[in-house]
Amino acid sequence: MPNGKLLVVENDRTTASIIKMLVQKFDYEVVDIVSAGAHAISSTEKNNPDLVLMDISIDGDIDGITAANTIINNYNTPVVYITSYSDKEILRRALLTS
């Protein structure tokens, strides 16, 4: 039995594959990999992950911060950001999502 179910939200396929490989080594199940904010929200509803690993800069009209906020508020699912962004305004927005 896996330690938990994870949703990976990452628009770079190589990075997403590396994340999947790494978390599976620690016996976590990756229930889905998506690259857009709207898909992250619908996948959370469908798969009920224990945790979402969220990139901030993703495909589509909804960025990772907005998607995370929706996921946290609507599904009570925790989100951990995985990003290379260091822009102060983006990081401030991310911190507001808990």
N, C-alpha and C. Protein backbone atom coordinates (compact mmCIF):
# COMPACT_ATOMS: atom_id res chain seq x y z
N MET A 1 0.85 -1.19 0.00
CA MET A 1 0.00 0.00 0.00
C MET A 1 0.89 1.24 0.00
N PRO A 2 0.60 2.21 -0.89
CA PRO A 2 1.45 3.41 -0.96
C PRO A 2 1.32 4.29 0.28
N ASN A 3 2.35 5.12 0.50
CA ASN A 3 2.33 6.07 1.61
C ASN A 3 1.28 7.16 1.42
N GLY A 4 0.93 7.45 0.19
CA GLY A 4 -0.05 8.48 -0.10
C GLY A 4 -0.19 8.67 -1.60
N LYS A 5 -1.25 9.40 -1.98
CA LYS A 5 -1.51 9.66 -3.39
C LYS A 5 -1.14 11.11 -3.70
N LEU A 6 -0.35 11.30 -4.76
CA LEU A 6 0.11 12.63 -5.14
C LEU A 6 -0.37 12.99 -6.53
N LEU A 7 -0.70 14.26 -6.70
CA LEU A 7 -0.97 14.83 -8.01
C LEU A 7 0.21 15.75 -8.33
N VAL A 8 0.80 15.57 -9.51
CA VAL A 8 1.91 16.42 -9.94
C VAL A 8 1.40 17.38 -11.01
N VAL A 9 1.59 18.67 -10.78
CA VAL A 9 1.19 19.70 -11.73
C VAL A 9 2.46 20.39 -12.21
N GLU A 10 2.86 20.06 -13.42
CA GLU A 10 4.14 20.53 -13.98
C GLU A 10 4.03 20.52 -15.49
N ASN A 11 4.38 21.64 -16.13
CA ASN A 11 4.23 21.72 -17.59
C ASN A 11 5.48 21.26 -18.35
N ASP A 12 6.55 20.94 -17.66
CA ASP A 12 7.73 20.40 -18.30
C ASP A 12 7.73 18.87 -18.11
N ARG A 13 7.60 18.14 -19.21
CA ARG A 13 7.47 16.69 -19.13
C ARG A 13 8.66 16.01 -18.46
N THR A 14 9.84 16.50 -18.75
CA THR A 14 11.04 15.90 -18.15
C THR A 14 11.04 16.08 -16.65
N THR A 15 10.75 17.29 -16.20
CA THR A 15 10.69 17.56 -14.76
C THR A 15 9.60 16.72 -14.11
N ALA A 16 8.44 16.63 -14.74
CA ALA A 16 7.34 15.83 -14.19
C ALA A 16 7.74 14.36 -14.06
N SER A 17 8.44 13.84 -15.05
CA SER A 17 8.89 12.44 -15.01
C SER A 17 9.90 12.21 -13.89
N ILE A 18 10.79 13.17 -13.68
CA ILE A 18 11.78 13.05 -12.60
C ILE A 18 11.08 13.09 -11.24
N ILE A 19 10.14 14.00 -11.09
CA ILE A 19 9.39 14.08 -9.83
C ILE A 19 8.67 12.76 -9.57
N LYS A 20 8.01 12.24 -10.59
CA LYS A 20 7.29 10.98 -10.44
C LYS A 20 8.24 9.86 -10.00
N MET A 21 9.37 9.77 -10.67
CA MET A 21 10.35 8.73 -10.34
C MET A 21 10.83 8.86 -8.90
N LEU A 22 11.11 10.09 -8.48
CA LEU A 22 11.62 10.32 -7.12
C LEU A 22 10.59 9.99 -6.05
N VAL A 23 9.37 10.41 -6.23
CA VAL A 23 8.37 10.15 -5.19
C VAL A 23 7.98 8.68 -5.14
N GLN A 24 8.03 8.00 -6.28
CA GLN A 24 7.73 6.57 -6.29
C GLN A 24 8.80 5.77 -5.54
N LYS A 25 10.02 6.28 -5.52
CA LYS A 25 11.08 5.62 -4.75
C LYS A 25 10.76 5.60 -3.26
N PHE A 26 9.96 6.55 -2.82
CA PHE A 26 9.55 6.63 -1.42
C PHE A 26 8.14 6.07 -1.22
N ASP A 27 7.71 5.29 -2.19
CA ASP A 27 6.45 4.56 -2.13
C ASP A 27 5.21 5.45 -2.08
N TYR A 28 5.24 6.54 -2.87
CA TYR A 28 4.05 7.35 -3.07
C TYR A 28 3.49 7.05 -4.44
N GLU A 29 2.17 7.05 -4.54
CA GLU A 29 1.51 6.82 -5.81
C GLU A 29 1.23 8.15 -6.49
N VAL A 30 1.65 8.29 -7.74
CA VAL A 30 1.31 9.48 -8.52
C VAL A 30 0.03 9.15 -9.27
N VAL A 31 -1.07 9.80 -8.86
CA VAL A 31 -2.37 9.49 -9.45
C VAL A 31 -2.59 10.17 -10.79
N ASP A 32 -1.83 11.25 -11.04
CA ASP A 32 -1.98 11.96 -12.31
C ASP A 32 -0.84 12.96 -12.43
N ILE A 33 -0.51 13.28 -13.68
CA ILE A 33 0.40 14.38 -13.99
C ILE A 33 -0.34 15.26 -14.98
N VAL A 34 -0.49 16.53 -14.64
CA VAL A 34 -1.17 17.48 -15.51
C VAL A 34 -0.30 18.72 -15.68
N SER A 35 -0.60 19.50 -16.72
CA SER A 35 0.25 20.66 -17.01
C SER A 35 -0.49 21.99 -16.96
N ALA A 36 -1.78 21.96 -16.65
CA ALA A 36 -2.57 23.20 -16.65
C ALA A 36 -3.40 23.31 -15.37
N GLY A 37 -3.68 24.53 -14.99
CA GLY A 37 -4.41 24.79 -13.76
C GLY A 37 -5.81 24.19 -13.74
N ALA A 38 -6.54 24.34 -14.82
CA ALA A 38 -7.90 23.78 -14.88
C ALA A 38 -7.86 22.26 -14.76
N HIS A 39 -6.87 21.64 -15.37
CA HIS A 39 -6.72 20.19 -15.27
C HIS A 39 -6.34 19.77 -13.85
N ALA A 40 -5.56 20.59 -13.17
CA ALA A 40 -5.20 20.29 -11.78
C ALA A 40 -6.43 20.27 -10.89
N ILE A 41 -7.31 21.22 -11.10
CA ILE A 41 -8.53 21.29 -10.30
C ILE A 41 -9.43 20.09 -10.59
N SER A 42 -9.63 19.76 -11.87
CA SER A 42 -10.51 18.62 -12.20
C SER A 42 -9.87 17.30 -11.77
N SER A 43 -8.56 17.18 -11.86
CA SER A 43 -7.90 15.95 -11.43
C SER A 43 -7.98 15.78 -9.91
N THR A 44 -7.92 16.88 -9.19
CA THR A 44 -8.07 16.82 -7.73
C THR A 44 -9.46 16.31 -7.38
N GLU A 45 -10.47 16.81 -8.06
CA GLU A 45 -11.83 16.35 -7.80
C GLU A 45 -11.98 14.87 -8.13
N LYS A 46 -11.41 14.45 -9.24
CA LYS A 46 -11.55 13.06 -9.71
C LYS A 46 -10.73 12.07 -8.87
N ASN A 47 -9.48 12.43 -8.55
CA ASN A 47 -8.54 11.47 -7.95
C ASN A 47 -8.37 11.59 -6.44
N ASN A 48 -8.84 12.69 -5.86
CA ASN A 48 -8.74 12.90 -4.42
C ASN A 48 -7.34 12.62 -3.87
N PRO A 49 -6.33 13.34 -4.37
CA PRO A 49 -4.97 13.08 -3.88
C PRO A 49 -4.80 13.56 -2.44
N ASP A 50 -3.80 13.00 -1.77
CA ASP A 50 -3.47 13.43 -0.41
C ASP A 50 -2.65 14.72 -0.42
N LEU A 51 -1.96 14.97 -1.54
CA LEU A 51 -1.10 16.14 -1.66
C LEU A 51 -0.95 16.48 -3.13
N VAL A 52 -0.87 17.78 -3.42
CA VAL A 52 -0.62 18.26 -4.79
C VAL A 52 0.75 18.92 -4.81
N LEU A 53 1.60 18.49 -5.73
CA LEU A 53 2.88 19.15 -5.97
C LEU A 53 2.67 20.08 -7.17
N MET A 54 2.74 21.38 -6.93
CA MET A 54 2.28 22.38 -7.90
C MET A 54 3.39 23.31 -8.36
N ASP A 55 3.60 23.35 -9.68
CA ASP A 55 4.46 24.38 -10.25
C ASP A 55 3.65 25.66 -10.33
N ILE A 56 4.29 26.80 -10.25
CA ILE A 56 3.56 28.07 -10.32
C ILE A 56 3.30 28.47 -11.76
N SER A 57 4.29 28.32 -12.61
CA SER A 57 4.16 28.69 -14.02
C SER A 57 3.74 27.45 -14.81
N ILE A 58 2.44 27.37 -15.12
CA ILE A 58 1.90 26.20 -15.82
C ILE A 58 1.09 26.65 -17.02
N ASP A 59 0.66 25.70 -17.82
CA ASP A 59 -0.11 26.00 -19.02
C ASP A 59 -1.52 26.47 -18.68
N GLY A 60 -2.13 27.18 -19.63
CA GLY A 60 -3.52 27.59 -19.49
C GLY A 60 -3.69 28.96 -18.88
N ASP A 61 -4.93 29.32 -18.67
CA ASP A 61 -5.29 30.64 -18.16
C ASP A 61 -5.17 30.76 -16.65
N ILE A 62 -5.10 29.62 -15.95
CA ILE A 62 -5.03 29.61 -14.49
C ILE A 62 -3.61 29.26 -14.07
N ASP A 63 -2.94 30.16 -13.38
CA ASP A 63 -1.57 29.84 -12.93
C ASP A 63 -1.62 28.91 -11.72
N GLY A 64 -0.46 28.44 -11.31
CA GLY A 64 -0.38 27.48 -10.21
C GLY A 64 -0.90 28.03 -8.90
N ILE A 65 -0.71 29.31 -8.66
CA ILE A 65 -1.16 29.91 -7.40
C ILE A 65 -2.69 29.94 -7.34
N THR A 66 -3.31 30.34 -8.43
CA THR A 66 -4.77 30.38 -8.48
C THR A 66 -5.34 28.97 -8.38
N ALA A 67 -4.74 28.02 -9.09
CA ALA A 67 -5.19 26.63 -9.03
C ALA A 67 -5.04 26.08 -7.62
N ALA A 68 -3.90 26.37 -6.98
CA ALA A 68 -3.67 25.90 -5.62
C ALA A 68 -4.71 26.46 -4.66
N ASN A 69 -5.00 27.74 -4.79
CA ASN A 69 -5.98 28.37 -3.92
C ASN A 69 -7.35 27.70 -4.07
N THR A 70 -7.75 27.40 -5.30
CA THR A 70 -9.01 26.72 -5.55
C THR A 70 -9.01 25.33 -4.94
N ILE A 71 -7.91 24.60 -5.12
CA ILE A 71 -7.80 23.23 -4.60
C ILE A 71 -7.84 23.23 -3.08
N ILE A 72 -7.13 24.14 -2.46
CA ILE A 72 -7.10 24.22 -0.99
C ILE A 72 -8.50 24.55 -0.46
N ASN A 73 -9.14 25.55 -1.05
CA ASN A 73 -10.43 26.01 -0.55
C ASN A 73 -11.59 25.06 -0.86
N ASN A 74 -11.57 24.44 -2.04
CA ASN A 74 -12.70 23.60 -2.45
C ASN A 74 -12.57 22.15 -2.03
N TYR A 75 -11.34 21.66 -1.92
CA TYR A 75 -11.14 20.22 -1.66
C TYR A 75 -10.35 19.96 -0.39
N ASN A 76 -9.90 21.01 0.28
CA ASN A 76 -9.13 20.88 1.51
C ASN A 76 -7.91 19.98 1.33
N THR A 77 -7.31 20.04 0.14
CA THR A 77 -6.14 19.25 -0.20
C THR A 77 -4.90 20.14 -0.07
N PRO A 78 -3.90 19.72 0.67
CA PRO A 78 -2.69 20.53 0.79
C PRO A 78 -1.90 20.59 -0.52
N VAL A 79 -1.22 21.70 -0.71
CA VAL A 79 -0.43 21.94 -1.91
C VAL A 79 0.97 22.36 -1.50
N VAL A 80 1.96 21.76 -2.16
CA VAL A 80 3.36 22.17 -1.99
C VAL A 80 3.82 22.70 -3.34
N TYR A 81 4.36 23.92 -3.33
CA TYR A 81 4.85 24.50 -4.57
C TYR A 81 6.22 23.93 -4.92
N ILE A 82 6.38 23.62 -6.19
CA ILE A 82 7.68 23.22 -6.74
C ILE A 82 7.94 24.17 -7.91
N THR A 83 8.84 25.09 -7.72
CA THR A 83 9.04 26.11 -8.74
C THR A 83 10.45 26.68 -8.68
N SER A 84 10.87 27.24 -9.79
CA SER A 84 12.16 27.93 -9.82
C SER A 84 11.95 29.44 -9.74
N TYR A 85 10.70 29.88 -9.59
CA TYR A 85 10.42 31.30 -9.48
C TYR A 85 10.99 31.88 -8.20
N SER A 86 11.54 33.09 -8.30
CA SER A 86 12.02 33.77 -7.11
C SER A 86 11.55 35.23 -7.08
N ASP A 87 10.68 35.60 -8.00
CA ASP A 87 10.12 36.94 -8.04
C ASP A 87 9.35 37.20 -6.75
N LYS A 88 9.65 38.31 -6.09
CA LYS A 88 9.06 38.60 -4.78
C LYS A 88 7.54 38.68 -4.81
N GLU A 89 6.97 39.27 -5.85
CA GLU A 89 5.51 39.38 -5.93
C GLU A 89 4.86 38.01 -6.08
N ILE A 90 5.44 37.16 -6.91
CA ILE A 90 4.91 35.80 -7.09
C ILE A 90 5.01 35.02 -5.79
N LEU A 91 6.14 35.12 -5.12
CA LEU A 91 6.32 34.41 -3.85
C LEU A 91 5.36 34.93 -2.79
N ARG A 92 5.09 36.24 -2.79
CA ARG A 92 4.13 36.81 -1.84
C ARG A 92 2.75 36.23 -2.10
N ARG A 93 2.34 36.15 -3.37
CA ARG A 93 1.04 35.56 -3.71
C ARG A 93 0.97 34.10 -3.27
N ALA A 94 2.06 33.38 -3.48
CA ALA A 94 2.09 31.96 -3.09
C ALA A 94 1.94 31.81 -1.57
N LEU A 95 2.58 32.66 -0.81
CA LEU A 95 2.49 32.57 0.65
C LEU A 95 1.09 32.85 1.16
N LEU A 96 0.32 33.62 0.43
CA LEU A 96 -1.06 33.92 0.84
C LEU A 96 -1.98 32.71 0.74
N THR A 97 -1.56 31.67 0.02
CA THR A 97 -2.40 30.48 -0.15
C THR A 97 -2.18 29.46 0.96
N SER A 98 -1.42 29.81 1.95
CA SER A 98 -1.12 28.92 3.09
C SER A 98 -0.14 27.86 2.70
